């Protein structure tokens, strides 16, 4: 997919019954018009109209670049 990035959101919550911390992951397919985001970047996204079957988000800005090395 061109001009598309996959954003992974991880959240940690406590399971109500077993009181164990569980990591939850969610993937967002995000439209990156200028192709400015790279692997490992921290980005800000916003919801938009459906752009394709999976893409309903667009990149607003890159908040922090990934460290190279």
N, C-alpha and C. Protein backbone atom coordinates (compact mmCIF):
# COMPACT_ATOMS: atom_id res chain seq x y z
N UNK A 1 0.84 -1.17 0.00
CA UNK A 1 0.00 0.00 0.00
C UNK A 1 0.89 1.24 0.00
N UNK A 2 0.67 2.09 -0.95
CA UNK A 2 1.45 3.31 -1.04
C UNK A 2 0.82 4.39 -0.17
N UNK A 3 1.67 5.22 0.40
CA UNK A 3 1.26 6.33 1.26
C UNK A 3 0.46 5.84 2.47
N UNK A 4 0.79 4.67 2.96
CA UNK A 4 0.11 4.10 4.12
C UNK A 4 1.14 3.69 5.15
N UNK A 5 0.89 4.02 6.40
CA UNK A 5 1.71 3.54 7.50
C UNK A 5 0.81 2.78 8.46
N UNK A 6 1.41 1.88 9.22
CA UNK A 6 0.67 1.12 10.23
C UNK A 6 1.13 1.62 11.59
N UNK A 7 0.20 2.13 12.36
CA UNK A 7 0.49 2.66 13.69
C UNK A 7 0.02 1.63 14.71
N UNK A 8 0.91 1.27 15.62
CA UNK A 8 0.59 0.29 16.66
C UNK A 8 0.41 1.02 17.99
N UNK A 9 -0.75 0.84 18.59
CA UNK A 9 -1.03 1.44 19.90
C UNK A 9 -1.01 0.32 20.93
N UNK A 10 -0.21 0.49 21.97
CA UNK A 10 -0.15 -0.49 23.04
C UNK A 10 -0.68 0.14 24.32
N UNK A 11 -1.53 -0.60 25.01
CA UNK A 11 -2.04 -0.12 26.29
C UNK A 11 -1.94 -1.25 27.31
N UNK A 12 -1.76 -0.87 28.55
CA UNK A 12 -1.63 -1.83 29.63
C UNK A 12 -2.81 -1.63 30.58
N UNK A 13 -3.50 -2.70 30.89
CA UNK A 13 -4.62 -2.61 31.82
C UNK A 13 -4.62 -3.81 32.75
N UNK A 14 -5.32 -3.69 33.85
CA UNK A 14 -5.41 -4.78 34.82
C UNK A 14 -6.68 -5.58 34.57
N UNK A 15 -6.54 -6.89 34.42
CA UNK A 15 -7.69 -7.76 34.21
C UNK A 15 -8.55 -7.74 35.47
N UNK A 16 -9.87 -7.56 35.33
CA UNK A 16 -10.72 -7.39 36.52
C UNK A 16 -10.84 -8.64 37.39
N UNK A 17 -10.76 -9.81 36.81
CA UNK A 17 -10.98 -11.02 37.61
C UNK A 17 -9.68 -11.58 38.18
N UNK A 18 -8.64 -11.66 37.36
CA UNK A 18 -7.40 -12.29 37.83
C UNK A 18 -6.38 -11.27 38.34
N UNK A 19 -6.67 -9.98 38.22
CA UNK A 19 -5.81 -8.89 38.71
C UNK A 19 -4.39 -9.02 38.18
N UNK A 20 -4.30 -9.29 36.90
CA UNK A 20 -3.01 -9.41 36.24
C UNK A 20 -2.93 -8.33 35.17
N UNK A 21 -1.75 -7.75 34.99
CA UNK A 21 -1.57 -6.72 33.97
C UNK A 21 -1.48 -7.37 32.60
N UNK A 22 -2.28 -6.88 31.67
CA UNK A 22 -2.36 -7.44 30.33
C UNK A 22 -2.06 -6.33 29.33
N UNK A 23 -1.25 -6.66 28.31
CA UNK A 23 -0.93 -5.69 27.28
C UNK A 23 -1.89 -5.89 26.12
N UNK A 24 -2.50 -4.79 25.69
CA UNK A 24 -3.43 -4.84 24.57
C UNK A 24 -2.84 -4.03 23.42
N UNK A 25 -2.95 -4.55 22.20
CA UNK A 25 -2.41 -3.89 21.02
C UNK A 25 -3.52 -3.63 20.01
N UNK A 26 -3.41 -2.50 19.32
CA UNK A 26 -4.36 -2.16 18.27
C UNK A 26 -3.59 -1.54 17.12
N UNK A 27 -3.94 -1.95 15.89
CA UNK A 27 -3.28 -1.43 14.70
C UNK A 27 -4.20 -0.49 13.96
N UNK A 28 -3.65 0.63 13.52
CA UNK A 28 -4.37 1.60 12.71
C UNK A 28 -3.65 1.75 11.38
N UNK A 29 -4.39 1.71 10.28
CA UNK A 29 -3.83 1.99 8.97
C UNK A 29 -4.05 3.47 8.70
N UNK A 30 -2.95 4.20 8.50
CA UNK A 30 -2.98 5.65 8.48
C UNK A 30 -2.47 6.15 7.13
N UNK A 31 -3.16 7.15 6.58
CA UNK A 31 -2.75 7.76 5.31
C UNK A 31 -1.65 8.78 5.58
N UNK A 32 -0.51 8.61 4.90
CA UNK A 32 0.64 9.51 5.02
C UNK A 32 0.89 10.11 3.64
N UNK A 33 0.28 11.25 3.37
CA UNK A 33 0.31 11.85 2.04
C UNK A 33 1.72 12.18 1.58
N UNK A 34 2.55 12.74 2.46
CA UNK A 34 3.91 13.16 2.06
C UNK A 34 4.95 12.09 2.34
N UNK A 35 4.55 10.95 2.86
CA UNK A 35 5.44 9.83 3.18
C UNK A 35 6.61 10.29 4.05
N UNK A 36 6.28 10.98 5.14
CA UNK A 36 7.32 11.53 6.01
C UNK A 36 7.61 10.67 7.23
N UNK A 37 6.75 9.74 7.60
CA UNK A 37 6.95 8.91 8.79
C UNK A 37 7.83 7.71 8.44
N UNK A 38 8.68 7.35 9.40
CA UNK A 38 9.57 6.20 9.26
C UNK A 38 9.28 5.22 10.40
N UNK A 39 9.87 4.04 10.32
CA UNK A 39 9.68 3.01 11.34
C UNK A 39 10.24 3.51 12.67
N UNK A 40 9.44 3.42 13.72
CA UNK A 40 9.87 3.81 15.06
C UNK A 40 9.50 5.22 15.46
N UNK A 41 8.95 6.02 14.55
CA UNK A 41 8.55 7.39 14.87
C UNK A 41 7.32 7.41 15.76
N UNK A 42 7.22 8.43 16.59
CA UNK A 42 6.02 8.69 17.39
C UNK A 42 5.20 9.71 16.60
N UNK A 43 3.94 9.37 16.28
CA UNK A 43 3.15 10.22 15.39
C UNK A 43 1.83 10.60 16.04
N UNK A 44 1.23 11.67 15.51
CA UNK A 44 -0.10 12.12 15.91
C UNK A 44 -1.03 11.88 14.73
N UNK A 45 -2.15 11.17 14.97
CA UNK A 45 -3.09 10.86 13.90
C UNK A 45 -4.47 11.40 14.26
N UNK A 46 -5.32 11.56 13.24
CA UNK A 46 -6.70 11.97 13.49
C UNK A 46 -7.62 11.18 12.58
N UNK A 47 -8.85 11.00 13.05
CA UNK A 47 -9.85 10.26 12.29
C UNK A 47 -10.33 11.11 11.12
N UNK A 48 -10.62 10.45 10.00
CA UNK A 48 -11.08 11.13 8.80
C UNK A 48 -12.10 10.26 8.09
N UNK A 49 -12.56 10.71 6.95
CA UNK A 49 -13.51 9.91 6.18
C UNK A 49 -12.81 8.64 5.69
N UNK A 50 -13.56 7.60 5.34
CA UNK A 50 -12.93 6.38 4.83
C UNK A 50 -12.19 6.65 3.52
N UNK A 51 -10.90 6.32 3.51
CA UNK A 51 -10.08 6.50 2.32
C UNK A 51 -9.93 5.20 1.54
N UNK A 52 -10.09 4.09 2.21
CA UNK A 52 -10.07 2.77 1.57
C UNK A 52 -10.79 1.81 2.51
N UNK A 53 -10.67 0.53 2.23
CA UNK A 53 -11.35 -0.45 3.06
C UNK A 53 -10.85 -0.44 4.50
N UNK A 54 -9.56 -0.17 4.70
CA UNK A 54 -8.98 -0.19 6.04
C UNK A 54 -8.58 1.18 6.58
N UNK A 55 -8.34 2.14 5.71
CA UNK A 55 -7.80 3.43 6.14
C UNK A 55 -8.91 4.41 6.50
N UNK A 56 -8.93 4.81 7.78
CA UNK A 56 -9.87 5.81 8.26
C UNK A 56 -9.17 6.85 9.13
N UNK A 57 -7.86 6.91 9.05
CA UNK A 57 -7.05 7.82 9.84
C UNK A 57 -6.05 8.51 8.93
N UNK A 58 -5.62 9.72 9.32
CA UNK A 58 -4.59 10.40 8.56
C UNK A 58 -3.53 10.95 9.51
N UNK A 59 -2.32 11.06 9.01
CA UNK A 59 -1.19 11.55 9.79
C UNK A 59 -1.28 13.07 9.91
N UNK A 60 -1.20 13.57 11.14
CA UNK A 60 -1.21 15.01 11.38
C UNK A 60 0.23 15.52 11.42
N UNK A 61 1.06 14.88 12.27
CA UNK A 61 2.46 15.28 12.35
C UNK A 61 3.29 14.19 13.00
N UNK A 62 4.58 14.25 12.77
CA UNK A 62 5.53 13.36 13.43
C UNK A 62 5.99 14.08 14.69
N UNK A 63 5.69 13.51 15.85
CA UNK A 63 6.03 14.16 17.11
C UNK A 63 7.49 13.97 17.48
N UNK A 64 8.00 12.75 17.29
CA UNK A 64 9.39 12.45 17.63
C UNK A 64 9.94 11.45 16.64
N UNK A 65 11.11 11.74 16.10
CA UNK A 65 11.76 10.84 15.16
C UNK A 65 12.42 9.69 15.90
N UNK A 66 12.51 8.54 15.25
CA UNK A 66 13.19 7.38 15.82
C UNK A 66 14.69 7.62 15.79
N UNK A 67 15.37 7.12 16.79
CA UNK A 67 16.82 7.25 16.83
C UNK A 67 17.44 6.23 15.90
N UNK A 68 18.40 6.66 15.13
CA UNK A 68 19.07 5.75 14.20
C UNK A 68 20.25 5.10 14.91
N UNK A 69 20.49 3.84 14.53
CA UNK A 69 21.65 3.19 15.09
C UNK A 69 21.41 1.85 15.65
